[in-house]
């Protein structure tokens, strides 16, 4: 199965935004019988067999990994940064590591990609808790009325 790597009105590399909604929708319709959102949907629901489910899962993984790799490497090229670090639970994925290694080495200029050891590739919640632990030990605390702002703030060192 060839699942989409970008939106219907987008060309690969147009945007660096990550969105997996089209990919998830394609998987949904494949599980419903292969009908696309633009095509006729099967009238009778069906249950795919194990081999088909495995094929769908493998195709989903390939598409998701390609999206992550290509957009990350494109961001490196556009910004002139020649290194990227991949973290979180997804960094344990062997196919993601393979694709990054292959495609980063093939870029001109080459992009270096760093992965922590798999034992350190944990869920973001664990990383957040680990950071909170160190901040608390350093005496740093935020008020309970802290506003949500996902933008990291860079601190200037004296």
Protein backbone atom coordinates (compact mmCIF):
# COMPACT_ATOMS: atom_id res chain seq x y z
CA UNK A 1 0.00 0.00 0.00
CA UNK A 2 1.22 3.44 -0.80
CA UNK A 3 -0.03 5.84 1.85
CA UNK A 4 0.22 9.63 1.38
CA UNK A 5 3.31 11.54 2.47
CA UNK A 6 1.74 14.98 2.21
CA UNK A 7 -1.66 16.65 1.97
CA UNK A 8 -3.81 16.58 -1.19
CA UNK A 9 -2.91 20.18 -2.15
CA UNK A 10 0.71 19.93 -1.11
CA UNK A 11 3.89 18.83 -2.81
CA UNK A 12 6.62 17.05 -0.83
CA UNK A 13 8.81 19.69 0.77
CA UNK A 14 6.25 22.52 0.52
CA UNK A 15 5.90 22.80 4.26
CA UNK A 16 7.84 21.69 7.28
CA UNK A 17 4.65 21.22 9.32
CA UNK A 18 3.94 17.72 10.55
CA UNK A 19 0.42 16.42 10.09
CA UNK A 20 -0.53 12.78 10.07
CA UNK A 21 -4.28 13.29 9.62
CA UNK A 22 -4.25 12.33 5.91
CA UNK A 23 -2.14 9.28 6.68
CA UNK A 24 -4.49 8.18 9.47
CA UNK A 25 -7.51 8.70 7.20
CA UNK A 26 -5.90 6.60 4.46
CA UNK A 27 -5.28 3.80 6.96
CA UNK A 28 -8.89 4.01 8.14
CA UNK A 29 -10.24 3.68 4.60
CA UNK A 30 -7.83 0.85 3.79
CA UNK A 31 -9.17 -1.03 6.81
CA UNK A 32 -12.72 -0.38 5.56
CA UNK A 33 -12.08 -2.10 2.28
CA UNK A 34 -9.68 0.03 0.35
CA UNK A 35 -12.10 2.78 -0.66
CA UNK A 36 -10.62 6.25 -0.66
CA UNK A 37 -12.32 9.38 0.66
CA UNK A 38 -12.88 10.43 -2.97
CA UNK A 39 -14.02 6.99 -4.08
CA UNK A 40 -16.98 4.81 -3.34
CA UNK A 41 -16.93 3.27 0.11
CA UNK A 42 -17.67 -0.42 0.53
CA UNK A 43 -21.25 -1.05 1.63
CA UNK A 44 -20.39 -4.10 3.71
CA UNK A 45 -17.85 -3.71 6.51
CA UNK A 46 -15.13 -6.37 6.44
CA UNK A 47 -12.44 -7.63 8.74
CA UNK A 48 -8.96 -7.71 7.18
CA UNK A 49 -6.88 -10.82 7.82
CA UNK A 50 -3.64 -10.87 9.78
CA UNK A 51 -1.45 -10.64 6.67
CA UNK A 52 -3.34 -7.59 5.41
CA UNK A 53 -3.18 -5.93 8.83
CA UNK A 54 0.58 -6.53 8.91
CA UNK A 55 0.91 -4.98 5.44
CA UNK A 56 -1.12 -1.95 6.45
CA UNK A 57 0.98 -1.51 9.61
CA UNK A 58 4.24 -1.78 7.64
CA UNK A 59 3.01 0.71 5.03
CA UNK A 60 1.91 3.12 7.77
CA UNK A 61 5.31 2.85 9.46
CA UNK A 62 7.13 3.50 6.19
CA UNK A 63 5.04 6.57 5.39
CA UNK A 64 5.32 8.01 8.92
CA UNK A 65 9.10 7.45 9.00
CA UNK A 66 9.55 9.04 5.58
CA UNK A 67 7.55 12.10 6.65
CA UNK A 68 9.61 12.50 9.83
CA UNK A 69 12.94 12.02 8.06
CA UNK A 70 12.27 14.17 5.00
CA UNK A 71 10.79 17.11 6.88
CA UNK A 72 13.52 17.03 9.52
CA UNK A 73 16.29 16.94 6.92
CA UNK A 74 14.57 19.63 4.85
CA UNK A 75 14.46 21.84 7.96
CA UNK A 76 18.19 21.27 8.47
CA UNK A 77 18.95 22.28 4.88
CA UNK A 78 16.67 25.35 4.96
CA UNK A 79 18.17 26.62 8.21
CA UNK A 80 21.77 25.74 7.43
CA UNK A 81 21.97 23.45 10.43
CA UNK A 82 23.89 20.29 9.61
CA UNK A 83 22.93 18.19 12.63
CA UNK A 84 19.72 16.86 14.15
CA UNK A 85 18.93 14.98 17.33
CA UNK A 86 16.03 12.53 17.47
CA UNK A 87 14.50 11.72 20.84
CA UNK A 88 11.41 10.37 22.53
CA UNK A 89 9.91 6.93 22.27
CA UNK A 90 9.81 7.06 18.46
CA UNK A 91 13.62 7.24 18.43
CA UNK A 92 13.64 3.51 19.27
CA UNK A 93 12.07 2.66 15.91
CA UNK A 94 14.66 0.73 13.86
CA UNK A 95 13.20 1.75 10.51
CA UNK A 96 13.29 5.42 11.50
CA UNK A 97 16.97 5.07 12.46
CA UNK A 98 17.75 3.30 9.16
CA UNK A 99 16.03 5.94 7.03
CA UNK A 100 17.72 8.79 8.89
CA UNK A 101 21.13 7.15 8.45
CA UNK A 102 20.59 6.52 4.71
CA UNK A 103 19.08 9.85 3.78
CA UNK A 104 21.14 12.11 6.03
CA UNK A 105 24.37 10.66 4.63
CA UNK A 106 23.11 11.23 1.07
CA UNK A 107 22.34 14.93 1.62
CA UNK A 108 24.72 17.54 0.28
CA UNK A 109 25.91 18.96 2.57
CA UNK A 110 25.68 15.90 4.76
CA UNK A 111 23.48 16.11 7.86
CA UNK A 112 24.64 14.35 11.01
CA UNK A 113 21.83 12.69 12.99
CA UNK A 114 22.19 11.74 16.63
CA UNK A 115 20.13 9.16 18.50
CA UNK A 116 20.39 8.38 22.20
CA UNK A 117 20.80 4.71 23.12
CA UNK A 118 17.44 2.89 23.00
CA UNK A 119 17.37 2.59 26.80
CA UNK A 120 17.22 6.40 26.94
CA UNK A 121 14.53 6.77 24.25
CA UNK A 122 11.62 7.23 26.59
CA UNK A 123 8.22 8.77 26.33
CA UNK A 124 8.14 12.57 26.52
CA UNK A 125 6.33 12.39 29.85
CA UNK A 126 9.35 10.65 31.37
CA UNK A 127 11.67 13.31 29.91
CA UNK A 128 9.45 16.07 31.28
CA UNK A 129 9.45 14.46 34.72
CA UNK A 130 13.24 14.09 34.57
CA UNK A 131 13.66 17.78 33.75
CA UNK A 132 11.21 18.72 36.51
CA UNK A 133 13.24 16.69 38.99
CA UNK A 134 16.43 18.59 38.16
CA UNK A 135 14.67 21.96 38.21
CA UNK A 136 13.13 21.17 41.60
CA UNK A 137 16.52 20.13 43.00
CA UNK A 138 17.95 23.44 41.74
CA UNK A 139 15.21 25.30 43.65
CA UNK A 140 13.28 26.30 40.52
CA UNK A 141 9.51 26.33 40.81
CA UNK A 142 6.66 27.71 38.73
CA UNK A 143 3.47 29.19 40.14
CA UNK A 144 0.29 27.10 39.91
CA UNK A 145 -1.22 29.71 37.57
CA UNK A 146 1.51 29.11 34.98
CA UNK A 147 0.21 29.67 31.45
CA UNK A 148 0.74 26.95 28.85
CA UNK A 149 3.37 28.03 26.31
CA UNK A 150 5.14 25.32 24.28
CA UNK A 151 7.80 27.74 23.00
CA UNK A 152 11.12 27.01 24.70
CA UNK A 153 12.79 30.01 26.28
CA UNK A 154 16.53 30.31 25.91
CA UNK A 155 18.32 31.46 28.98
CA UNK A 156 21.42 33.57 28.62
CA UNK A 157 24.35 32.34 30.62
CA UNK A 158 26.47 34.90 32.40
